[in-house]
Amino acid sequence: AVDQPSRGYVLEVFDNHFCLPSLGPIGANGLANPRDFETPAGHNNRNFFLV
């Protein structure tokens, strides 16, 4: 049972998979920029040798 006020939203996807919405009218300050959903990748600057 919920005994306090609740806030939020529900999202249902009836298609194959979820995809980011287009930027639309929010333009440069958009909340759906693909760069915000990228996975970080490590970078190695050291030289390495195969043994």
C-alpha atoms as a PDB file:
ATOM      1  CA  ALA A   1       0.000   0.000   0.000  1.00  0.00           C
ATOM      2  CA  VAL A   2       1.183   3.510  -0.781  1.00  0.00           C
ATOM      3  CA  ASP A   3       0.738   5.872   2.139  1.00  0.00           C
ATOM      4  CA  GLN A   4       2.577   8.916   0.723  1.00  0.00           C
ATOM      5  CA  PRO A   5       2.089  11.029  -2.412  1.00  0.00           C
ATOM      6  CA  SER A   6       3.739   9.494  -5.477  1.00  0.00           C
ATOM      7  CA  ARG A   7       5.213  11.194  -8.530  1.00  0.00           C
ATOM      8  CA  GLY A   8       6.641   9.903 -11.785  1.00  0.00           C
ATOM      9  CA  TYR A   9       5.638   8.558 -15.141  1.00  0.00           C
ATOM     10  CA  VAL A  10       4.990   5.267 -16.873  1.00  0.00           C
ATOM     11  CA  LEU A  11       6.462   4.345 -20.229  1.00  0.00           C
ATOM     12  CA  GLU A  12       5.186   1.511 -22.393  1.00  0.00           C
ATOM     13  CA  VAL A  13       6.803   0.548 -25.675  1.00  0.00           C
ATOM     14  CA  PHE A  14       4.530  -1.304 -28.078  1.00  0.00           C
ATOM     15  CA  ASP A  15       7.174  -1.493 -30.803  1.00  0.00           C
ATOM     16  CA  ASN A  16      10.290  -3.638 -31.144  1.00  0.00           C
ATOM     17  CA  HIS A  17      12.552  -1.578 -28.900  1.00  0.00           C
ATOM     18  CA  PHE A  18      12.900   1.824 -27.258  1.00  0.00           C
ATOM     19  CA  CYS A  19      14.592   4.537 -29.319  1.00  0.00           C
ATOM     20  CA  LEU A  20      15.477   8.111 -28.439  1.00  0.00           C
ATOM     21  CA  PRO A  21      12.877  10.718 -29.416  1.00  0.00           C
ATOM     22  CA  SER A  22      13.787  13.441 -31.891  1.00  0.00           C
ATOM     23  CA  LEU A  23      14.927  16.774 -30.467  1.00  0.00           C
ATOM     24  CA  GLY A  24      11.892  18.619 -31.789  1.00  0.00           C
ATOM     25  CA  PRO A  25      11.201  22.128 -30.482  1.00  0.00           C
ATOM     26  CA  ILE A  26      13.655  21.939 -27.573  1.00  0.00           C
ATOM     27  CA  GLY A  27      16.584  22.328 -29.987  1.00  0.00           C
ATOM     28  CA  ALA A  28      20.136  22.683 -28.671  1.00  0.00           C
ATOM     29  CA  ASN A  29      19.058  22.244 -25.053  1.00  0.00           C
ATOM     30  CA  GLY A  30      17.417  18.950 -25.950  1.00  0.00           C
ATOM     31  CA  LEU A  31      17.121  16.154 -23.450  1.00  0.00           C
ATOM     32  CA  ALA A  32      17.528  13.432 -26.062  1.00  0.00           C
ATOM     33  CA  ASN A  33      20.995  14.111 -27.425  1.00  0.00           C
ATOM     34  CA  PRO A  34      22.537  10.778 -28.452  1.00  0.00           C
ATOM     35  CA  ARG A  35      25.888  11.843 -26.937  1.00  0.00           C
ATOM     36  CA  ASP A  36      24.260  11.806 -23.495  1.00  0.00           C
ATOM     37  CA  PHE A  37      23.566   8.087 -23.871  1.00  0.00           C
ATOM     38  CA  GLU A  38      27.023   6.948 -25.024  1.00  0.00           C
ATOM     39  CA  THR A  39      28.963   4.308 -23.122  1.00  0.00           C
ATOM     40  CA  PRO A  40      32.418   5.411 -21.942  1.00  0.00           C
ATOM     41  CA  ALA A  41      35.401   3.538 -23.361  1.00  0.00           C
ATOM     42  CA  GLY A  42      38.847   3.224 -21.807  1.00  0.00           C
ATOM     43  CA  HIS A  43      41.989   4.496 -23.510  1.00  0.00           C
ATOM     44  CA  ASN A  44      45.430   2.967 -23.042  1.00  0.00           C
ATOM     45  CA  ASN A  45      48.483   5.190 -23.678  1.00  0.00           C
ATOM     46  CA  ARG A  46      51.101   2.620 -22.646  1.00  0.00           C
ATOM     47  CA  ASN A  47      53.199   0.662 -25.115  1.00  0.00           C
ATOM     48  CA  PHE A  48      52.546  -3.058 -25.040  1.00  0.00           C
ATOM     49  CA  PHE A  49      54.459  -6.089 -26.251  1.00  0.00           C
ATOM     50  CA  LEU A  50      53.161  -9.490 -27.282  1.00  0.00           C
ATOM     51  CA  VAL A  51      54.841 -12.244 -25.276  1.00  0.00           C
END
